[in-house]
Amino acid sequence: MLTSLERNILDFERCWWQLPGPKDRDIRVAFGFGPARYYRLLKALMDDPAALAYDPLTVHRLRRIRARAMDATGYRVGTV
Protein backbone atom coordinates (compact mmCIF):
# COMPACT_ATOMS: atom_id res chain seq x y z
CA MET A 1 0.00 0.00 0.00
CA LEU A 2 1.32 3.42 -0.95
CA THR A 3 1.68 6.29 1.47
CA SER A 4 0.00 9.59 0.70
CA LEU A 5 3.44 11.03 -0.18
CA GLU A 6 4.07 8.21 -2.68
CA ARG A 7 0.65 8.73 -4.28
CA ASN A 8 1.30 12.47 -4.44
CA ILE A 9 4.64 11.89 -6.16
CA LEU A 10 3.01 9.70 -8.80
CA ASP A 11 0.20 12.22 -9.25
CA PHE A 12 2.74 15.03 -9.63
CA GLU A 13 4.83 13.04 -12.10
CA ARG A 14 1.74 12.35 -14.19
CA CYS A 15 0.94 16.03 -14.72
CA TRP A 16 3.95 18.21 -13.75
CA TRP A 17 4.43 19.37 -17.35
CA GLN A 18 1.16 21.30 -17.10
CA LEU A 19 2.61 23.56 -14.38
CA PRO A 20 3.99 26.93 -15.46
CA GLY A 21 7.42 26.87 -13.81
CA PRO A 22 10.57 24.76 -13.85
CA LYS A 23 10.06 21.24 -12.54
CA ASP A 24 12.76 21.57 -9.85
CA ARG A 25 11.04 24.62 -8.38
CA ASP A 26 7.62 22.94 -8.56
CA ILE A 27 9.02 19.91 -6.70
CA ARG A 28 10.24 22.16 -3.87
CA VAL A 29 6.90 23.97 -3.68
CA ALA A 30 4.78 20.81 -3.82
CA PHE A 31 6.79 18.62 -1.45
CA GLY A 32 9.02 20.87 0.64
CA PHE A 33 12.21 19.03 -0.34
CA GLY A 34 14.59 19.10 -3.23
CA PRO A 35 14.78 17.24 -6.52
CA ALA A 36 17.42 14.75 -5.29
CA ARG A 37 15.07 13.31 -2.68
CA TYR A 38 12.12 13.45 -5.10
CA TYR A 39 13.96 11.44 -7.76
CA ARG A 40 15.26 8.95 -5.19
CA LEU A 41 11.68 8.30 -4.06
CA LEU A 42 10.38 8.21 -7.65
CA LYS A 43 13.06 5.69 -8.65
CA ALA A 44 11.97 3.37 -5.84
CA LEU A 45 8.34 3.73 -6.89
CA MET A 46 9.11 2.58 -10.44
CA ASP A 47 9.75 -0.93 -9.11
CA ASP A 48 6.98 -0.99 -6.50
CA PRO A 49 4.02 -3.25 -7.39
CA ALA A 50 1.69 -0.98 -5.40
CA ALA A 51 2.75 2.00 -7.52
CA LEU A 52 2.12 -0.02 -10.68
CA ALA A 53 -1.36 -0.89 -9.43
CA TYR A 54 -2.08 2.74 -8.48
CA ASP A 55 -0.92 4.38 -11.72
CA PRO A 56 0.12 1.86 -14.37
CA LEU A 57 0.40 4.40 -17.20
CA THR A 58 2.81 6.65 -15.33
CA VAL A 59 4.89 3.76 -13.98
CA HIS A 60 5.15 2.12 -17.42
CA ARG A 61 6.12 5.47 -18.98
CA LEU A 62 8.84 5.97 -16.37
CA ARG A 63 10.13 2.43 -16.91
CA ARG A 64 10.30 3.02 -20.68
CA ILE A 65 12.25 6.24 -20.14
CA ARG A 66 14.64 4.43 -17.79
CA ALA A 67 15.10 1.55 -20.25
CA ARG A 68 15.86 3.96 -23.11
CA ALA A 69 18.40 5.80 -20.99
CA MET A 70 20.05 2.53 -20.01
CA ASP A 71 20.17 1.39 -23.65
CA ALA A 72 21.65 4.71 -24.76
CA THR A 73 24.48 4.44 -22.25
CA GLY A 74 25.08 0.74 -22.85
CA TYR A 75 24.28 0.00 -19.21
CA ARG A 76 23.11 -3.52 -18.49
CA VAL A 77 21.93 -4.84 -15.14
CA GLY A 78 24.56 -7.09 -13.60
CA THR A 79 27.49 -5.63 -15.53
CA VAL A 80 30.42 -3.71 -14.16
C-alpha atoms as a PDB file:
ATOM      1  CA  MET A   1       0.000   0.000   0.000  1.00  0.00           C
ATOM      2  CA  LEU A   2       1.315   3.419  -0.947  1.00  0.00           C
ATOM      3  CA  THR A   3       1.682   6.290   1.471  1.00  0.00           C
ATOM      4  CA  SER A   4       0.005   9.590   0.698  1.00  0.00           C
ATOM      5  CA  LEU A   5       3.437  11.026  -0.184  1.00  0.00           C
ATOM      6  CA  GLU A   6       4.066   8.215  -2.676  1.00  0.00           C
ATOM      7  CA  ARG A   7       0.645   8.731  -4.277  1.00  0.00           C
ATOM      8  CA  ASN A   8       1.300  12.474  -4.444  1.00  0.00           C
ATOM      9  CA  ILE A   9       4.645  11.888  -6.158  1.00  0.00           C
ATOM     10  CA  LEU A  10       3.013   9.699  -8.796  1.00  0.00           C
ATOM     11  CA  ASP A  11       0.203  12.223  -9.253  1.00  0.00           C
ATOM     12  CA  PHE A  12       2.740  15.034  -9.631  1.00  0.00           C
ATOM     13  CA  GLU A  13       4.835  13.038 -12.102  1.00  0.00           C
ATOM     14  CA  ARG A  14       1.741  12.348 -14.194  1.00  0.00           C
ATOM     15  CA  CYS A  15       0.943  16.030 -14.721  1.00  0.00           C
ATOM     16  CA  TRP A  16       3.952  18.206 -13.749  1.00  0.00           C
ATOM     17  CA  TRP A  17       4.432  19.369 -17.346  1.00  0.00           C
ATOM     18  CA  GLN A  18       1.158  21.305 -17.097  1.00  0.00           C
ATOM     19  CA  LEU A  19       2.612  23.558 -14.384  1.00  0.00           C
ATOM     20  CA  PRO A  20       3.990  26.927 -15.460  1.00  0.00           C
ATOM     21  CA  GLY A  21       7.424  26.867 -13.810  1.00  0.00           C
ATOM     22  CA  PRO A  22      10.566  24.759 -13.854  1.00  0.00           C
ATOM     23  CA  LYS A  23      10.063  21.235 -12.539  1.00  0.00           C
ATOM     24  CA  ASP A  24      12.763  21.567  -9.851  1.00  0.00           C
ATOM     25  CA  ARG A  25      11.039  24.616  -8.383  1.00  0.00           C
ATOM     26  CA  ASP A  26       7.625  22.939  -8.561  1.00  0.00           C
ATOM     27  CA  ILE A  27       9.020  19.915  -6.696  1.00  0.00           C
ATOM     28  CA  ARG A  28      10.243  22.159  -3.869  1.00  0.00           C
ATOM     29  CA  VAL A  29       6.896  23.974  -3.683  1.00  0.00           C
ATOM     30  CA  ALA A  30       4.780  20.811  -3.825  1.00  0.00           C
ATOM     31  CA  PHE A  31       6.792  18.624  -1.448  1.00  0.00           C
ATOM     32  CA  GLY A  32       9.023  20.873   0.636  1.00  0.00           C
ATOM     33  CA  PHE A  33      12.205  19.033  -0.335  1.00  0.00           C
ATOM     34  CA  GLY A  34      14.594  19.103  -3.232  1.00  0.00           C
ATOM     35  CA  PRO A  35      14.781  17.241  -6.520  1.00  0.00           C
ATOM     36  CA  ALA A  36      17.423  14.753  -5.288  1.00  0.00           C
ATOM     37  CA  ARG A  37      15.066  13.313  -2.681  1.00  0.00           C
ATOM     38  CA  TYR A  38      12.121  13.448  -5.100  1.00  0.00           C
ATOM     39  CA  TYR A  39      13.958  11.442  -7.763  1.00  0.00           C
ATOM     40  CA  ARG A  40      15.262   8.952  -5.192  1.00  0.00           C
ATOM     41  CA  LEU A  41      11.676   8.298  -4.064  1.00  0.00           C
ATOM     42  CA  LEU A  42      10.383   8.209  -7.649  1.00  0.00           C
ATOM     43  CA  LYS A  43      13.056   5.691  -8.649  1.00  0.00           C
ATOM     44  CA  ALA A  44      11.972   3.370  -5.840  1.00  0.00           C
ATOM     45  CA  LEU A  45       8.339   3.735  -6.888  1.00  0.00           C
ATOM     46  CA  MET A  46       9.109   2.581 -10.439  1.00  0.00           C
ATOM     47  CA  ASP A  47       9.753  -0.932  -9.108  1.00  0.00           C
ATOM     48  CA  ASP A  48       6.978  -0.992  -6.499  1.00  0.00           C
ATOM     49  CA  PRO A  49       4.017  -3.250  -7.392  1.00  0.00           C
ATOM     50  CA  ALA A  50       1.686  -0.982  -5.398  1.00  0.00           C
ATOM     51  CA  ALA A  51       2.749   1.996  -7.523  1.00  0.00           C
ATOM     52  CA  LEU A  52       2.123  -0.016 -10.676  1.00  0.00           C
ATOM     53  CA  ALA A  53      -1.363  -0.893  -9.432  1.00  0.00           C
ATOM     54  CA  TYR A  54      -2.084   2.737  -8.481  1.00  0.00           C
ATOM     55  CA  ASP A  55      -0.924   4.384 -11.721  1.00  0.00           C
ATOM     56  CA  PRO A  56       0.115   1.861 -14.368  1.00  0.00           C
ATOM     57  CA  LEU A  57       0.396   4.400 -17.203  1.00  0.00           C
ATOM     58  CA  THR A  58       2.813   6.647 -15.331  1.00  0.00           C
ATOM     59  CA  VAL A  59       4.894   3.761 -13.982  1.00  0.00           C
ATOM     60  CA  HIS A  60       5.151   2.119 -17.421  1.00  0.00           C
ATOM     61  CA  ARG A  61       6.119   5.472 -18.984  1.00  0.00           C
ATOM     62  CA  LEU A  62       8.843   5.966 -16.373  1.00  0.00           C
ATOM     63  CA  ARG A  63      10.127   2.433 -16.907  1.00  0.00           C
ATOM     64  CA  ARG A  64      10.302   3.018 -20.678  1.00  0.00           C
ATOM     65  CA  ILE A  65      12.251   6.238 -20.143  1.00  0.00           C
ATOM     66  CA  ARG A  66      14.639   4.432 -17.793  1.00  0.00           C
ATOM     67  CA  ALA A  67      15.102   1.549 -20.250  1.00  0.00           C
ATOM     68  CA  ARG A  68      15.862   3.960 -23.111  1.00  0.00           C
ATOM     69  CA  ALA A  69      18.403   5.800 -20.986  1.00  0.00           C
ATOM     70  CA  MET A  70      20.053   2.533 -20.005  1.00  0.00           C
ATOM     71  CA  ASP A  71      20.167   1.392 -23.647  1.00  0.00           C
ATOM     72  CA  ALA A  72      21.648   4.710 -24.756  1.00  0.00           C
ATOM     73  CA  THR A  73      24.484   4.437 -22.246  1.00  0.00           C
ATOM     74  CA  GLY A  74      25.083   0.741 -22.851  1.00  0.00           C
ATOM     75  CA  TYR A  75      24.275   0.000 -19.212  1.00  0.00           C
ATOM     76  CA  ARG A  76      23.107  -3.516 -18.485  1.00  0.00           C
ATOM     77  CA  VAL A  77      21.933  -4.837 -15.140  1.00  0.00           C
ATOM     78  CA  GLY A  78      24.557  -7.087 -13.597  1.00  0.00           C
ATOM     79  CA  THR A  79      27.491  -5.635 -15.529  1.00  0.00           C
ATOM     80  CA  VAL A  80      30.417  -3.708 -14.162  1.00  0.00           C
END
